[in-house]
Amino acid sequence: MKLSSPRSPGGEPSPASRPVTSCPGSYDVAAQRRLGAVSEDLTGVTFPVAAPASGAAVTA
């Protein structure tokens, strides 16, 4: 696997830069909520939940 900077030395996007999507499991809202709850339990730190971005698909 070749790692490169998203910008070339001249500041232009490199030809290898392209939008990608995450794996389907990362969009699982129930899993996100479980991870958040476990993280809060383990750390004792809570954070307010932000509203989803405009146009974002949300499944409960």
C-alpha atoms as a PDB file:
ATOM      1  CA  MET A   1       0.000   0.000   0.000  1.00  0.00           C
ATOM      2  CA  LYS A   2       1.426   3.352  -1.018  1.00  0.00           C
ATOM      3  CA  LEU A   3       0.787   6.283   1.294  1.00  0.00           C
ATOM      4  CA  SER A   4       0.940   9.781  -0.080  1.00  0.00           C
ATOM      5  CA  SER A   5      -0.025  13.282   0.866  1.00  0.00           C
ATOM      6  CA  PRO A   6      -3.373  14.456  -0.513  1.00  0.00           C
ATOM      7  CA  ARG A   7      -1.580  17.544  -1.828  1.00  0.00           C
ATOM      8  CA  SER A   8       1.460  17.657  -4.028  1.00  0.00           C
ATOM      9  CA  PRO A   9       4.382  19.919  -3.103  1.00  0.00           C
ATOM     10  CA  GLY A  10       2.884  22.650  -5.320  1.00  0.00           C
ATOM     11  CA  GLY A  11      -0.383  22.597  -3.347  1.00  0.00           C
ATOM     12  CA  GLU A  12      -2.449  20.987  -6.111  1.00  0.00           C
ATOM     13  CA  PRO A  13      -4.509  17.866  -5.354  1.00  0.00           C
ATOM     14  CA  SER A  14      -2.567  14.761  -6.262  1.00  0.00           C
ATOM     15  CA  PRO A  15      -3.951  12.570  -9.043  1.00  0.00           C
ATOM     16  CA  ALA A  16      -4.356   9.744  -6.521  1.00  0.00           C
ATOM     17  CA  SER A  17      -6.784  11.821  -4.401  1.00  0.00           C
ATOM     18  CA  ARG A  18     -10.364  10.770  -4.868  1.00  0.00           C
ATOM     19  CA  PRO A  19     -13.503  10.688  -2.735  1.00  0.00           C
ATOM     20  CA  VAL A  20     -14.171   7.347  -1.088  1.00  0.00           C
ATOM     21  CA  THR A  21     -16.968   5.975   1.054  1.00  0.00           C
ATOM     22  CA  SER A  22     -16.616   4.133   4.310  1.00  0.00           C
ATOM     23  CA  CYS A  23     -17.553   0.486   4.810  1.00  0.00           C
ATOM     24  CA  PRO A  24     -21.312  -0.139   5.223  1.00  0.00           C
ATOM     25  CA  GLY A  25     -20.947  -1.042   8.909  1.00  0.00           C
ATOM     26  CA  SER A  26     -19.741   2.466   9.728  1.00  0.00           C
ATOM     27  CA  TYR A  27     -23.171   3.825   8.790  1.00  0.00           C
ATOM     28  CA  ASP A  28     -24.953   1.576  11.350  1.00  0.00           C
ATOM     29  CA  VAL A  29     -26.620   4.089  13.686  1.00  0.00           C
ATOM     30  CA  ALA A  30     -27.410   1.476  16.354  1.00  0.00           C
ATOM     31  CA  ALA A  31     -23.735   0.454  16.452  1.00  0.00           C
ATOM     32  CA  GLN A  32     -22.721   4.112  16.690  1.00  0.00           C
ATOM     33  CA  ARG A  33     -25.021   4.577  19.679  1.00  0.00           C
ATOM     34  CA  ARG A  34     -23.698   1.423  21.396  1.00  0.00           C
ATOM     35  CA  LEU A  35     -20.111   2.573  20.863  1.00  0.00           C
ATOM     36  CA  GLY A  36     -20.945   5.991  22.284  1.00  0.00           C
ATOM     37  CA  ALA A  37     -22.638   4.491  25.342  1.00  0.00           C
ATOM     38  CA  VAL A  38     -19.778   2.074  26.046  1.00  0.00           C
ATOM     39  CA  SER A  39     -17.210   4.852  25.557  1.00  0.00           C
ATOM     40  CA  GLU A  40     -19.071   7.092  28.015  1.00  0.00           C
ATOM     41  CA  ASP A  41     -19.320   4.267  30.547  1.00  0.00           C
ATOM     42  CA  LEU A  42     -15.620   3.449  30.298  1.00  0.00           C
ATOM     43  CA  THR A  43     -14.311   7.013  30.347  1.00  0.00           C
ATOM     44  CA  GLY A  44     -16.937   8.801  32.427  1.00  0.00           C
ATOM     45  CA  VAL A  45     -16.922  11.586  29.828  1.00  0.00           C
ATOM     46  CA  THR A  46     -20.121  12.575  28.030  1.00  0.00           C
ATOM     47  CA  PHE A  47     -20.544  14.752  24.989  1.00  0.00           C
ATOM     48  CA  PRO A  48     -23.706  16.293  23.560  1.00  0.00           C
ATOM     49  CA  VAL A  49     -24.926  14.629  20.384  1.00  0.00           C
ATOM     50  CA  ALA A  50     -24.986  16.941  17.370  1.00  0.00           C
ATOM     51  CA  ALA A  51     -27.846  16.898  14.895  1.00  0.00           C
ATOM     52  CA  PRO A  52     -27.112  15.032  11.659  1.00  0.00           C
ATOM     53  CA  ALA A  53     -25.824  17.087   8.741  1.00  0.00           C
ATOM     54  CA  SER A  54     -28.441  18.446   6.388  1.00  0.00           C
ATOM     55  CA  GLY A  55     -29.447  15.767   3.909  1.00  0.00           C
ATOM     56  CA  ALA A  56     -27.798  12.975   5.871  1.00  0.00           C
ATOM     57  CA  ALA A  57     -29.620   9.668   5.906  1.00  0.00           C
ATOM     58  CA  VAL A  58     -30.533   8.652   9.442  1.00  0.00           C
ATOM     59  CA  THR A  59     -31.989   5.276  10.314  1.00  0.00           C
ATOM     60  CA  ALA A  60     -32.979   4.475  13.870  1.00  0.00           C
END
